[in-house]
Amino acid sequence: MKTQPMNITPAEWDIMEVLWQWSPLSTAEIYANLQTRTDWSIKTIRSFLDRLVQKKAVCKDEIHGMNVFKPIPQRSQCLRQESVSFLQRFFQGNPVSLLRHFVEQESLSDQDIARLQAVLDKKKE
């Protein structure tokens, strides 16, 4: 059974990253965690959390009278979904085109090339 993508925005992804690392967290704890990286108000974070709850990416529980939030899917699940979406949108689902693009466009050290070669060799087995 194929699941529908959650379509998590980049801003929502920032909140998810915090929750994947430290959940469960209250809105204030998420705010404190993001304060050095964003200029979002606590109200903005609440709005993002409401959207994530609606998308079923985050669940809201009450602990000692305080709302706390936890991610529902694992990071790896969301990363896989986002990767597939990116591959479809920009490379017509062709992973070779994606890899070729990055290898040709980015500067790679000998160590980077060796690591990529090791991954490809392992995949071949």
PDB file of N, CA and C in Angstrom:
ATOM      1  N   MET A   1       0.826  -1.178   0.000  1.00  0.00           N
ATOM      2  CA  MET A   1       0.000   0.000   0.000  1.00  0.00           C
ATOM      3  C   MET A   1       0.878   1.251   0.000  1.00  0.00           C
ATOM      4  N   LYS A   2       0.652   2.129  -0.984  1.00  0.00           N
ATOM      5  CA  LYS A   2       1.458   3.326  -1.122  1.00  0.00           C
ATOM      6  C   LYS A   2       0.905   4.425  -0.227  1.00  0.00           C
ATOM      7  N   THR A   3       1.803   5.068   0.534  1.00  0.00           N
ATOM      8  CA  THR A   3       1.363   6.151   1.410  1.00  0.00           C
ATOM      9  C   THR A   3       1.492   7.481   0.682  1.00  0.00           C
ATOM     10  N   GLN A   4       0.615   8.400   1.015  1.00  0.00           N
ATOM     11  CA  GLN A   4       0.652   9.734   0.440  1.00  0.00           C
ATOM     12  C   GLN A   4       1.792  10.525   1.067  1.00  0.00           C
ATOM     13  N   PRO A   5       2.526  11.291   0.250  1.00  0.00           N
ATOM     14  CA  PRO A   5       3.572  12.132   0.831  1.00  0.00           C
ATOM     15  C   PRO A   5       2.968  13.197   1.736  1.00  0.00           C
ATOM     16  N   MET A   6       3.700  13.564   2.764  1.00  0.00           N
ATOM     17  CA  MET A   6       3.212  14.560   3.723  1.00  0.00           C
ATOM     18  C   MET A   6       3.444  15.983   3.246  1.00  0.00           C
ATOM     19  N   ASN A   7       4.314  16.166   2.286  1.00  0.00           N
ATOM     20  CA  ASN A   7       4.625  17.502   1.789  1.00  0.00           C
ATOM     21  C   ASN A   7       5.045  18.439   2.915  1.00  0.00           C
ATOM     22  N   ILE A   8       6.088  18.075   3.590  1.00  0.00           N
ATOM     23  CA  ILE A   8       6.624  18.886   4.682  1.00  0.00           C
ATOM     24  C   ILE A   8       7.455  20.016   4.076  1.00  0.00           C
ATOM     25  N   THR A   9       7.124  21.241   4.445  1.00  0.00           N
ATOM     26  CA  THR A   9       7.833  22.410   3.927  1.00  0.00           C
ATOM     27  C   THR A   9       9.219  22.504   4.581  1.00  0.00           C
ATOM     28  N   PRO A  10      10.126  23.298   3.999  1.00  0.00           N
ATOM     29  CA  PRO A  10      11.441  23.478   4.634  1.00  0.00           C
ATOM     30  C   PRO A  10      11.351  23.988   6.073  1.00  0.00           C
ATOM     31  N   ALA A  11      10.447  24.907   6.341  1.00  0.00           N
ATOM     32  CA  ALA A  11      10.300  25.420   7.715  1.00  0.00           C
ATOM     33  C   ALA A  11       9.802  24.319   8.648  1.00  0.00           C
ATOM     34  N   GLU A  12       8.831  23.546   8.188  1.00  0.00           N
ATOM     35  CA  GLU A  12       8.327  22.438   9.001  1.00  0.00           C
ATOM     36  C   GLU A  12       9.421  21.394   9.214  1.00  0.00           C
ATOM     37  N   TRP A  13      10.267  21.213   8.204  1.00  0.00           N
ATOM     38  CA  TRP A  13      11.372  20.258   8.325  1.00  0.00           C
ATOM     39  C   TRP A  13      12.304  20.667   9.466  1.00  0.00           C
ATOM     40  N   ASP A  14      12.536  21.967   9.633  1.00  0.00           N
ATOM     41  CA  ASP A  14      13.373  22.452  10.747  1.00  0.00           C
ATOM     42  C   ASP A  14      12.790  22.013  12.089  1.00  0.00           C
ATOM     43  N   ILE A  15      11.483  22.125  12.219  1.00  0.00           N
ATOM     44  CA  ILE A  15      10.822  21.714  13.460  1.00  0.00           C
ATOM     45  C   ILE A  15      10.909  20.200  13.629  1.00  0.00           C
ATOM     46  N   MET A  16      10.707  19.473  12.542  1.00  0.00           N
ATOM     47  CA  MET A  16      10.793  18.011  12.605  1.00  0.00           C
ATOM     48  C   MET A  16      12.190  17.572  13.041  1.00  0.00           C
ATOM     49  N   GLU A  17      13.224  18.238  12.535  1.00  0.00           N
ATOM     50  CA  GLU A  17      14.603  17.879  12.915  1.00  0.00           C
ATOM     51  C   GLU A  17      14.793  18.002  14.427  1.00  0.00           C
ATOM     52  N   VAL A  18      14.271  19.067  15.006  1.00  0.00           N
ATOM     53  CA  VAL A  18      14.369  19.252  16.458  1.00  0.00           C
ATOM     54  C   VAL A  18      13.620  18.128  17.176  1.00  0.00           C
ATOM     55  N   LEU A  19      12.423  17.825  16.697  1.00  0.00           N
ATOM     56  CA  LEU A  19      11.627  16.771  17.344  1.00  0.00           C
ATOM     57  C   LEU A  19      12.262  15.393  17.182  1.00  0.00           C
ATOM     58  N   TRP A  20      12.829  15.100  16.020  1.00  0.00           N
ATOM     59  CA  TRP A  20      13.498  13.802  15.842  1.00  0.00           C
ATOM     60  C   TRP A  20      14.671  13.654  16.807  1.00  0.00           C
ATOM     61  N   GLN A  21      15.299  14.745  17.121  1.00  0.00           N
ATOM     62  CA  GLN A  21      16.465  14.666  18.004  1.00  0.00           C
ATOM     63  C   GLN A  21      16.096  14.631  19.485  1.00  0.00           C
ATOM     64  N   TRP A  22      15.067  15.391  19.903  1.00  0.00           N
ATOM     65  CA  TRP A  22      14.844  15.556  21.339  1.00  0.00           C
ATOM     66  C   TRP A  22      13.416  15.323  21.827  1.00  0.00           C
ATOM     67  N   SER A  23      12.534  14.802  21.045  1.00  0.00           N
ATOM     68  CA  SER A  23      11.129  14.712  21.485  1.00  0.00           C
ATOM     69  C   SER A  23      10.952  13.764  22.662  1.00  0.00           C
ATOM     70  N   PRO A  24       9.868  13.951  23.407  1.00  0.00           N
ATOM     71  CA  PRO A  24       8.810  14.943  23.241  1.00  0.00           C
ATOM     72  C   PRO A  24       9.244  16.319  23.748  1.00  0.00           C
ATOM     73  N   LEU A  25       8.734  17.349  23.076  1.00  0.00           N
ATOM     74  CA  LEU A  25       9.059  18.723  23.446  1.00  0.00           C
ATOM     75  C   LEU A  25       7.812  19.588  23.456  1.00  0.00           C
ATOM     76  N   SER A  26       7.810  20.589  24.310  1.00  0.00           N
ATOM     77  CA  SER A  26       6.740  21.587  24.321  1.00  0.00           C
ATOM     78  C   SER A  26       7.042  22.631  23.245  1.00  0.00           C
ATOM     79  N   THR A  27       6.069  23.460  22.968  1.00  0.00           N
ATOM     80  CA  THR A  27       6.267  24.548  22.008  1.00  0.00           C
ATOM     81  C   THR A  27       7.408  25.458  22.464  1.00  0.00           C
ATOM     82  N   ALA A  28       7.440  25.768  23.749  1.00  0.00           N
ATOM     83  CA  ALA A  28       8.499  26.639  24.282  1.00  0.00           C
ATOM     84  C   ALA A  28       9.880  26.003  24.114  1.00  0.00           C
ATOM     85  N   GLU A  29       9.972  24.695  24.298  1.00  0.00           N
ATOM     86  CA  GLU A  29      11.257  24.010  24.128  1.00  0.00           C
ATOM     87  C   GLU A  29      11.693  24.007  22.663  1.00  0.00           C
ATOM     88  N   ILE A  30      10.743  23.828  21.773  1.00  0.00           N
ATOM     89  CA  ILE A  30      11.058  23.885  20.340  1.00  0.00           C
ATOM     90  C   ILE A  30      11.523  25.296  19.985  1.00  0.00           C
ATOM     91  N   TYR A  31      10.801  26.282  20.491  1.00  0.00           N
ATOM     92  CA  TYR A  31      11.165  27.688  20.272  1.00  0.00           C
ATOM     93  C   TYR A  31      12.598  27.957  20.752  1.00  0.00           C
ATOM     94  N   ALA A  32      12.910  27.529  21.948  1.00  0.00           N
ATOM     95  CA  ALA A  32      14.254  27.743  22.504  1.00  0.00           C
ATOM     96  C   ALA A  32      15.316  27.073  21.644  1.00  0.00           C
ATOM     97  N   ASN A  33      14.991  25.915  21.122  1.00  0.00           N
ATOM     98  CA  ASN A  33      15.930  25.164  20.302  1.00  0.00           C
ATOM     99  C   ASN A  33      16.185  25.822  18.952  1.00  0.00           C
ATOM    100  N   LEU A  34      15.187  26.502  18.422  1.00  0.00           N
ATOM    101  CA  LEU A  34      15.311  27.116  17.097  1.00  0.00           C
ATOM    102  C   LEU A  34      15.715  28.587  17.150  1.00  0.00           C
ATOM    103  N   GLN A  35      15.779  29.151  18.327  1.00  0.00           N
ATOM    104  CA  GLN A  35      16.012  30.585  18.492  1.00  0.00           C
ATOM    105  C   GLN A  35      17.294  31.075  17.819  1.00  0.00           C
ATOM    106  N   THR A  36      18.338  30.278  17.832  1.00  0.00           N
ATOM    107  CA  THR A  36      19.600  30.715  17.228  1.00  0.00           C
ATOM    108  C   THR A  36      19.597  30.565  15.708  1.00  0.00           C
ATOM    109  N   ARG A  37      18.644  29.778  15.176  1.00  0.00           N
ATOM    110  CA  ARG A  37      18.613  29.529  13.727  1.00  0.00           C
ATOM    111  C   ARG A  37      17.519  30.282  12.990  1.00  0.00           C
ATOM    112  N   THR A  38      16.506  30.744  13.698  1.00  0.00           N
ATOM    113  CA  THR A  38      15.389  31.426  13.041  1.00  0.00           C
ATOM    114  C   THR A  38      14.996  32.650  13.855  1.00  0.00           C
ATOM    115  N   ASP A  39      14.193  33.497  13.246  1.00  0.00           N
ATOM    116  CA  ASP A  39      13.644  34.641  13.986  1.00  0.00           C
ATOM    117  C   ASP A  39      12.148  34.442  14.201  1.00  0.00           C
ATOM    118  N   TRP A  40      11.699  33.196  14.199  1.00  0.00           N
ATOM    119  CA  TRP A  40      10.285  32.883  14.368  1.00  0.00           C
ATOM    120  C   TRP A  40       9.820  33.198  15.781  1.00  0.00           C
ATOM    121  N   SER A  41       8.597  33.661  15.864  1.00  0.00           N
ATOM    122  CA  SER A  41       7.974  33.860  17.168  1.00  0.00           C
ATOM    123  C   SER A  41       7.397  32.525  17.646  1.00  0.00           C
ATOM    124  N   ILE A  42       7.048  32.469  18.897  1.00  0.00           N
ATOM    125  CA  ILE A  42       6.441  31.256  19.429  1.00  0.00           C
ATOM    126  C   ILE A  42       5.091  30.991  18.757  1.00  0.00           C
ATOM    127  N   LYS A  43       4.405  32.071  18.373  1.00  0.00           N
ATOM    128  CA  LYS A  43       3.128  31.936  17.662  1.00  0.00           C
ATOM    129  C   LYS A  43       3.337  31.274  16.293  1.00  0.00           C
ATOM    130  N   THR A  44       4.395  31.635  15.612  1.00  0.00           N
ATOM    131  CA  THR A  44       4.719  31.024  14.316  1.00  0.00           C
ATOM    132  C   THR A  44       4.987  29.536  14.485  1.00  0.00           C
ATOM    133  N   ILE A  45       5.729  29.186  15.512  1.00  0.00           N
ATOM    134  CA  ILE A  45       6.023  27.772  15.772  1.00  0.00           C
ATOM    135  C   ILE A  45       4.737  27.019  16.076  1.00  0.00           C
ATOM    136  N   ARG A  46       3.840  27.625  16.828  1.00  0.00           N
ATOM    137  CA  ARG A  46       2.537  26.981  17.090  1.00  0.00           C
ATOM    138  C   ARG A  46       1.785  26.718  15.788  1.00  0.00           C
ATOM    139  N   SER A  47       1.830  27.675  14.874  1.00  0.00           N
ATOM    140  CA  SER A  47       1.158  27.506  13.576  1.00  0.00           C
ATOM    141  C   SER A  47       1.768  26.343  12.794  1.00  0.00           C
ATOM    142  N   PHE A  48       3.089  26.282  12.774  1.00  0.00           N
ATOM    143  CA  PHE A  48       3.758  25.165  12.095  1.00  0.00           C
ATOM    144  C   PHE A  48       3.379  23.838  12.748  1.00  0.00           C
ATOM    145  N   LEU A  49       3.354  23.809  14.071  1.00  0.00           N
ATOM    146  CA  LEU A  49       2.994  22.575  14.779  1.00  0.00           C
ATOM    147  C   LEU A  49       1.555  22.159  14.474  1.00  0.00           C
ATOM    148  N   ASP A  50       0.645  23.125  14.415  1.00  0.00           N
ATOM    149  CA  ASP A  50      -0.743  22.809  14.062  1.00  0.00           C
ATOM    150  C   ASP A  50      -0.819  22.176  12.674  1.00  0.00           C
ATOM    151  N   ARG A  51      -0.065  22.730  11.725  1.00  0.00           N
ATOM    152  CA  ARG A  51      -0.058  22.168  10.368  1.00  0.00           C
ATOM    153  C   ARG A  51       0.542  20.769  10.361  1.00  0.00           C
ATOM    154  N   LEU A  52       1.601  20.570  11.123  1.00  0.00           N
ATOM    155  CA  LEU A  52       2.227  19.241  11.183  1.00  0.00           C
ATOM    156  C   LEU A  52       1.304  18.214  11.831  1.00  0.00           C
ATOM    157  N   VAL A  53       0.523  18.635  12.814  1.00  0.00           N
ATOM    158  CA  VAL A  53      -0.470  17.740  13.423  1.00  0.00           C
ATOM    159  C   VAL A  53      -1.529  17.384  12.384  1.00  0.00           C
ATOM    160  N   GLN A  54      -2.003  18.368  11.629  1.00  0.00           N
ATOM    161  CA  GLN A  54      -3.005  18.116  10.587  1.00  0.00           C
ATOM    162  C   GLN A  54      -2.477  17.168   9.515  1.00  0.00           C
ATOM    163  N   LYS A  55      -1.199  17.283   9.208  1.00  0.00           N
ATOM    164  CA  LYS A  55      -0.580  16.413   8.199  1.00  0.00           C
ATOM    165  C   LYS A  55      -0.263  15.022   8.743  1.00  0.00           C
ATOM    166  N   LYS A  56      -0.496  14.834  10.037  1.00  0.00           N
ATOM    167  CA  LYS A  56      -0.191  13.588  10.730  1.00  0.00           C
ATOM    168  C   LYS A  56       1.317  13.275  10.706  1.00  0.00           C
ATOM    169  N   ALA A  57       2.108  14.346  10.752  1.00  0.00           N
ATOM    170  CA  ALA A  57       3.554  14.207  10.859  1.00  0.00           C
ATOM    171  C   ALA A  57       3.987  14.279  12.320  1.00  0.00           C
ATOM    172  N   VAL A  58       3.135  14.915  13.145  1.00  0.00           N
ATOM    173  CA  VAL A  58       3.430  15.128  14.561  1.00  0.00           C
ATOM    174  C   VAL A  58       2.168  14.807  15.358  1.00  0.00           C
ATOM    175  N   CYS A  59       2.372  14.221  16.533  1.00  0.00           N
ATOM    176  CA  CYS A  59       1.228  14.025  17.428  1.00  0.00           C
ATOM    177  C   CYS A  59       1.412  14.918  18.647  1.00  0.00           C
ATOM    178  N   LYS A  60       0.287  15.314  19.213  1.00  0.00           N
ATOM    179  CA  LYS A  60       0.290  16.192  20.385  1.00  0.00           C
ATOM    180  C   LYS A  60      -0.250  15.390  21.561  1.00  0.00           C
ATOM    181  N   ASP A  61       0.501  15.373  22.636  1.00  0.00           N
ATOM    182  CA  ASP A  61       0.091  14.710  23.866  1.00  0.00           C
ATOM    183  C   ASP A  61       0.110  15.730  24.991  1.00  0.00           C
ATOM    184  N   GLU A  62      -0.494  15.360  26.094  1.00  0.00           N
ATOM    185  CA  GLU A  62      -0.462  16.224  27.270  1.00  0.00           C
ATOM    186  C   GLU A  62       0.280  15.494  28.378  1.00  0.00           C
ATOM    187  N   ILE A  63       1.304  16.144  28.893  1.00  0.00           N
ATOM    188  CA  ILE A  63       2.079  15.596  30.009  1.00  0.00           C
ATOM    189  C   ILE A  63       2.089  16.647  31.109  1.00  0.00           C
ATOM    190  N   HIS A  64       1.561  16.280  32.292  1.00  0.00           N
ATOM    191  CA  HIS A  64       1.490  17.199  33.433  1.00  0.00           C
ATOM    192  C   HIS A  64       0.826  18.523  33.040  1.00  0.00           C
ATOM    193  N   GLY A  65      -0.232  18.440  32.238  1.00  0.00           N
ATOM    194  CA  GLY A  65      -0.980  19.635  31.851  1.00  0.00           C
ATOM    195  C   GLY A  65      -0.344  20.474  30.754  1.00  0.00           C
ATOM    196  N   MET A  66       0.754  20.002  30.178  1.00  0.00           N
ATOM    197  CA  MET A  66       1.440  20.755  29.136  1.00  0.00           C
ATOM    198  C   MET A  66       1.402  19.971  27.834  1.00  0.00           C
ATOM    199  N   ASN A  67       1.104  20.659  26.722  1.00  0.00           N
ATOM    200  CA  ASN A  67       1.141  20.014  25.415  1.00  0.00           C
ATOM    201  C   ASN A  67       2.579  19.759  25.003  1.00  0.00           C
ATOM    202  N   VAL A  68       2.830  18.538  24.576  1.00  0.00           N
ATOM    203  CA  VAL A  68       4.145  18.178  24.041  1.00  0.00           C
ATOM    204  C   VAL A  68       3.932  17.513  22.687  1.00  0.00           C
ATOM    205  N   PHE A  69       4.953  17.592  21.858  1.00  0.00           N
ATOM    206  CA  PHE A  69       4.858  17.118  20.483  1.00  0.00           C
ATOM    207  C   PHE A  69       5.927  16.068  20.209  1.00  0.00           C
ATOM    208  N   LYS A  70       5.525  15.073  19.405  1.00  0.00           N
ATOM    209  CA  LYS A  70       6.436  14.006  19.001  1.00  0.00           C
ATOM    210  C   LYS A  70       6.232  13.741  17.514  1.00  0.00           C
ATOM    211  N   PRO A  71       7.311  13.427  16.797  1.00  0.00           N
ATOM    212  CA  PRO A  71       7.136  13.089  15.384  1.00  0.00           C
ATOM    213  C   PRO A  71       6.477  11.718  15.262  1.00  0.00           C
ATOM    214  N   ILE A  72       5.654  11.553  14.244  1.00  0.00           N
ATOM    215  CA  ILE A  72       5.027  10.257  14.004  1.00  0.00           C
ATOM    216  C   ILE A  72       5.926   9.393  13.107  1.00  0.00           C
ATOM    217  N   PRO A  73       6.287   9.872  11.916  1.00  0.00           N
ATOM    218  CA  PRO A  73       7.174   9.039  11.098  1.00  0.00           C
ATOM    219  C   PRO A  73       8.619   9.192  11.557  1.00  0.00           C
ATOM    220  N   GLN A  74       9.418   8.207  11.264  1.00  0.00           N
ATOM    221  CA  GLN A  74      10.844   8.306  11.530  1.00  0.00           C
ATOM    222  C   GLN A  74      11.470   9.235  10.491  1.00  0.00           C
ATOM    223  N   ARG A  75      12.599   9.806  10.832  1.00  0.00           N
ATOM    224  CA  ARG A  75      13.302  10.701   9.907  1.00  0.00           C
ATOM    225  C   ARG A  75      13.608   9.987   8.606  1.00  0.00           C
ATOM    226  N   SER A  76      14.037   8.741   8.691  1.00  0.00           N
ATOM    227  CA  SER A  76      14.400   7.985   7.486  1.00  0.00           C
ATOM    228  C   SER A  76      13.214   7.835   6.537  1.00  0.00           C
ATOM    229  N   GLN A  77      12.001   7.689   7.085  1.00  0.00           N
ATOM    230  CA  GLN A  77      10.809   7.586   6.239  1.00  0.00           C
ATOM    231  C   GLN A  77      10.562   8.886   5.478  1.00  0.00           C
ATOM    232  N   CYS A  78      10.667  10.005   6.173  1.00  0.00           N
ATOM    233  CA  CYS A  78      10.455  11.301   5.532  1.00  0.00           C
ATOM    234  C   CYS A  78      11.559  11.604   4.528  1.00  0.00           C
ATOM    235  N   LEU A  79      12.777  11.262   4.887  1.00  0.00           N
ATOM    236  CA  LEU A  79      13.901  11.488   3.985  1.00  0.00           C
ATOM    237  C   LEU A  79      13.727  10.683   2.706  1.00  0.00           C
ATOM    238  N   ARG A  80      13.277   9.459   2.832  1.00  0.00           N
ATOM    239  CA  ARG A  80      13.023   8.614   1.659  1.00  0.00           C
ATOM    240  C   ARG A  80      11.943   9.241   0.775  1.00  0.00           C
ATOM    241  N   GLN A  81      10.855   9.685   1.384  1.00  0.00           N
ATOM    242  CA  GLN A  81       9.762  10.328   0.643  1.00  0.00           C
ATOM    243  C   GLN A  81      10.244  11.575  -0.091  1.00  0.00           C
ATOM    244  N   GLU A  82      11.008  12.401   0.607  1.00  0.00           N
ATOM    245  CA  GLU A  82      11.522  13.632   0.005  1.00  0.00           C
ATOM    246  C   GLU A  82      12.496  13.321  -1.126  1.00  0.00           C
ATOM    247  N   SER A  83      13.316  12.297  -0.944  1.00  0.00           N
ATOM    248  CA  SER A  83      14.282  11.908  -1.975  1.00  0.00           C
ATOM    249  C   SER A  83      13.581  11.447  -3.243  1.00  0.00           C
ATOM    250  N   VAL A  84      12.569  10.621  -3.080  1.00  0.00           N
ATOM    251  CA  VAL A  84      11.806  10.125  -4.228  1.00  0.00           C
ATOM    252  C   VAL A  84      11.120  11.288  -4.939  1.00  0.00           C
ATOM    253  N   SER A  85      10.530  12.195  -4.179  1.00  0.00           N
ATOM    254  CA  SER A  85       9.859  13.359  -4.753  1.00  0.00           C
ATOM    255  C   SER A  85      10.849  14.219  -5.543  1.00  0.00           C
ATOM    256  N   PHE A  86      12.009  14.480  -4.961  1.00  0.00           N
ATOM    257  CA  PHE A  86      13.046  15.269  -5.624  1.00  0.00           C
ATOM    258  C   PHE A  86      13.493  14.586  -6.908  1.00  0.00           C
ATOM    259  N   LEU A  87      13.732  13.303  -6.840  1.00  0.00           N
ATOM    260  CA  LEU A  87      14.175  12.525  -7.998  1.00  0.00           C
ATOM    261  C   LEU A  87      13.137  12.591  -9.117  1.00  0.00           C
ATOM    262  N   GLN A  88      11.867  12.455  -8.765  1.00  0.00           N
ATOM    263  CA  GLN A  88      10.791  12.521  -9.761  1.00  0.00           C
ATOM    264  C   GLN A  88      10.687  13.914 -10.391  1.00  0.00           C
ATOM    265  N   ARG A  89      10.712  14.943  -9.554  1.00  0.00           N
ATOM    266  CA  ARG A  89      10.512  16.306 -10.052  1.00  0.00           C
ATOM    267  C   ARG A  89      11.633  16.799 -10.939  1.00  0.00           C
ATOM    268  N   PHE A  90      12.872  16.514 -10.559  1.00  0.00           N
ATOM    269  CA  PHE A  90      13.996  17.134 -11.250  1.00  0.00           C
ATOM    270  C   PHE A  90      14.772  16.206 -12.168  1.00  0.00           C
ATOM    271  N   PHE A  91      14.629  14.898 -11.997  1.00  0.00           N
ATOM    272  CA  PHE A  91      15.420  13.960 -12.792  1.00  0.00           C
ATOM    273  C   PHE A  91      14.569  12.847 -13.398  1.00  0.00           C
ATOM    274  N   GLN A  92      13.267  13.092 -13.521  1.00  0.00           N
ATOM    275  CA  GLN A  92      12.333  12.148 -14.116  1.00  0.00           C
ATOM    276  C   GLN A  92      12.472  10.745 -13.516  1.00  0.00           C
ATOM    277  N   GLY A  93      12.820  10.683 -12.246  1.00  0.00           N
ATOM    278  CA  GLY A  93      12.927   9.412 -11.536  1.00  0.00           C
ATOM    279  C   GLY A  93      14.194   8.630 -11.837  1.00  0.00           C
ATOM    280  N   ASN A  94      15.129   9.230 -12.547  1.00  0.00           N
ATOM    281  CA  ASN A  94      16.350   8.525 -12.950  1.00  0.00           C
ATOM    282  C   ASN A  94      17.502   8.833 -11.998  1.00  0.00           C
ATOM    283  N   PRO A  95      17.867   7.877 -11.125  1.00  0.00           N
ATOM    284  CA  PRO A  95      18.941   8.143 -10.165  1.00  0.00           C
ATOM    285  C   PRO A  95      20.301   8.347 -10.825  1.00  0.00           C
ATOM    286  N   VAL A  96      20.528   7.744 -11.987  1.00  0.00           N
ATOM    287  CA  VAL A  96      21.811   7.934 -12.675  1.00  0.00           C
ATOM    288  C   VAL A  96      21.967   9.397 -13.097  1.00  0.00           C
ATOM    289  N   SER A  97      20.892   9.994 -13.589  1.00  0.00           N
ATOM    290  CA  SER A  97      20.942  11.415 -13.977  1.00  0.00           C
ATOM    291  C   SER A  97      21.246  12.293 -12.764  1.00  0.00           C
ATOM    292  N   LEU A  98      20.635  11.976 -11.638  1.00  0.00           N
ATOM    293  CA  LEU A  98      20.886  12.742 -10.417  1.00  0.00           C
ATOM    294  C   LEU A  98      22.350  12.627  -9.993  1.00  0.00           C
ATOM    295  N   LEU A  99      22.853  11.417  -9.941  1.00  0.00           N
ATOM    296  CA  LEU A  99      24.252  11.215  -9.534  1.00  0.00           C
ATOM    297  C   LEU A  99      25.215  11.879 -10.513  1.00  0.00           C
ATOM    298  N   ARG A 100      24.952  11.712 -11.795  1.00  0.00           N
ATOM    299  CA  ARG A 100      25.818  12.327 -12.808  1.00  0.00           C
ATOM    300  C   ARG A 100      25.836  13.842 -12.624  1.00  0.00           C
ATOM    301  N   HIS A 101      24.675  14.426 -12.403  1.00  0.00           N
ATOM    302  CA  HIS A 101      24.591  15.871 -12.209  1.00  0.00           C
ATOM    303  C   HIS A 101      25.474  16.322 -11.042  1.00  0.00           C
ATOM    304  N   PHE A 102      25.325  15.668  -9.903  1.00  0.00           N
ATOM    305  CA  PHE A 102      26.095  16.083  -8.736  1.00  0.00           C
ATOM    306  C   PHE A 102      27.592  15.816  -8.912  1.00  0.00           C
ATOM    307  N   VAL A 103      27.950  14.715  -9.520  1.00  0.00           N
ATOM    308  CA  VAL A 103      29.364  14.411  -9.723  1.00  0.00           C
ATOM    309  C   VAL A 103      29.998  15.417 -10.677  1.00  0.00           C
ATOM    310  N   GLU A 104      29.259  15.797 -11.723  1.00  0.00           N
ATOM    311  CA  GLU A 104      29.804  16.741 -12.696  1.00  0.00           C
ATOM    312  C   GLU A 104      29.788  18.181 -12.201  1.00  0.00           C
ATOM    313  N   GLN A 105      28.827  18.540 -11.357  1.00  0.00           N
ATOM    314  CA  GLN A 105      28.663  19.930 -10.936  1.00  0.00           C
ATOM    315  C   GLN A 105      29.404  20.290  -9.651  1.00  0.00           C
ATOM    316  N   GLU A 106      29.671  19.327  -8.812  1.00  0.00           N
ATOM    317  CA  GLU A 106      30.297  19.590  -7.518  1.00  0.00           C
ATOM    318  C   GLU A 106      31.757  19.174  -7.543  1.00  0.00           C
ATOM    319  N   SER A 107      32.577  19.867  -6.752  1.00  0.00           N
ATOM    320  CA  SER A 107      33.967  19.442  -6.637  1.00  0.00           C
ATOM    321  C   SER A 107      34.034  18.326  -5.595  1.00  0.00           C
ATOM    322  N   LEU A 108      34.714  17.266  -5.946  1.00  0.00           N
ATOM    323  CA  LEU A 108      34.827  16.103  -5.067  1.00  0.00           C
ATOM    324  C   LEU A 108      36.297  15.822  -4.785  1.00  0.00           C
ATOM    325  N   SER A 109      36.603  15.560  -3.541  1.00  0.00           N
ATOM    326  CA  SER A 109      37.967  15.187  -3.168  1.00  0.00           C
ATOM    327  C   SER A 109      38.195  13.726  -3.552  1.00  0.00           C
ATOM    328  N   ASP A 110      39.433  13.309  -3.533  1.00  0.00           N
ATOM    329  CA  ASP A 110      39.747  11.902  -3.797  1.00  0.00           C
ATOM    330  C   ASP A 110      39.047  11.008  -2.779  1.00  0.00           C
ATOM    331  N   GLN A 111      38.962  11.491  -1.534  1.00  0.00           N
ATOM    332  CA  GLN A 111      38.282  10.721  -0.486  1.00  0.00           C
ATOM    333  C   GLN A 111      36.784  10.601  -0.791  1.00  0.00           C
ATOM    334  N   ASP A 112      36.161  11.675  -1.262  1.00  0.00           N
ATOM    335  CA  ASP A 112      34.744  11.630  -1.644  1.00  0.00           C
ATOM    336  C   ASP A 112      34.525  10.612  -2.761  1.00  0.00           C
ATOM    337  N   ILE A 113      35.388  10.658  -3.761  1.00  0.00           N
ATOM    338  CA  ILE A 113      35.270   9.738  -4.898  1.00  0.00           C
ATOM    339  C   ILE A 113      35.445   8.297  -4.438  1.00  0.00           C
ATOM    340  N   ALA A 114      36.390   8.058  -3.550  1.00  0.00           N
ATOM    341  CA  ALA A 114      36.615   6.697  -3.030  1.00  0.00           C
ATOM    342  C   ALA A 114      35.386   6.209  -2.261  1.00  0.00           C
ATOM    343  N   ARG A 115      34.777   7.087  -1.464  1.00  0.00           N
ATOM    344  CA  ARG A 115      33.567   6.692  -0.716  1.00  0.00           C
ATOM    345  C   ARG A 115      32.414   6.387  -1.654  1.00  0.00           C
ATOM    346  N   LEU A 116      32.243   7.218  -2.679  1.00  0.00           N
ATOM    347  CA  LEU A 116      31.188   6.955  -3.671  1.00  0.00           C
ATOM    348  C   LEU A 116      31.440   5.629  -4.395  1.00  0.00           C
ATOM    349  N   GLN A 117      32.693   5.405  -4.752  1.00  0.00           N
ATOM    350  CA  GLN A 117      33.036   4.154  -5.450  1.00  0.00           C
ATOM    351  C   GLN A 117      32.745   2.951  -4.543  1.00  0.00           C
ATOM    352  N   ALA A 118      33.055   3.064  -3.266  1.00  0.00           N
ATOM    353  CA  ALA A 118      32.780   1.979  -2.322  1.00  0.00           C
ATOM    354  C   ALA A 118      31.277   1.682  -2.218  1.00  0.00           C
ATOM    355  N   VAL A 119      30.471   2.743  -2.210  1.00  0.00           N
ATOM    356  CA  VAL A 119      29.006   2.560  -2.162  1.00  0.00           C
ATOM    357  C   VAL A 119      28.528   1.863  -3.424  1.00  0.00           C
ATOM    358  N   LEU A 120      29.043   2.294  -4.577  1.00  0.00           N
ATOM    359  CA  LEU A 120      28.643   1.669  -5.841  1.00  0.00           C
ATOM    360  C   LEU A 120      29.110   0.212  -5.915  1.00  0.00           C
ATOM    361  N   ASP A 121      30.325  -0.050  -5.465  1.00  0.00           N
ATOM    362  CA  ASP A 121      30.838  -1.425  -5.456  1.00  0.00           C
ATOM    363  C   ASP A 121      29.977  -2.322  -4.578  1.00  0.00           C
ATOM    364  N   LYS A 122      29.592  -1.799  -3.409  1.00  0.00           N
ATOM    365  CA  LYS A 122      28.753  -2.589  -2.487  1.00  0.00           C
ATOM    366  C   LYS A 122      27.366  -2.841  -3.112  1.00  0.00           C
ATOM    367  N   LYS A 123      26.858  -1.837  -3.799  1.00  0.00           N
ATOM    368  CA  LYS A 123      25.550  -1.979  -4.443  1.00  0.00           C
ATOM    369  C   LYS A 123      25.595  -3.051  -5.541  1.00  0.00           C
ATOM    370  N   LYS A 124      26.728  -3.149  -6.209  1.00  0.00           N
ATOM    371  CA  LYS A 124      26.895  -4.115  -7.296  1.00  0.00           C
ATOM    372  C   LYS A 124      26.830  -5.546  -6.767  1.00  0.00           C
ATOM    373  N   GLU A 125      27.300  -5.759  -5.543  1.00  0.00           N
ATOM    374  CA  GLU A 125      27.346  -7.109  -4.949  1.00  0.00           C
ATOM    375  C   GLU A 125      26.008  -7.605  -4.653  1.00  0.00           C
TER     376      GLU A 125
END
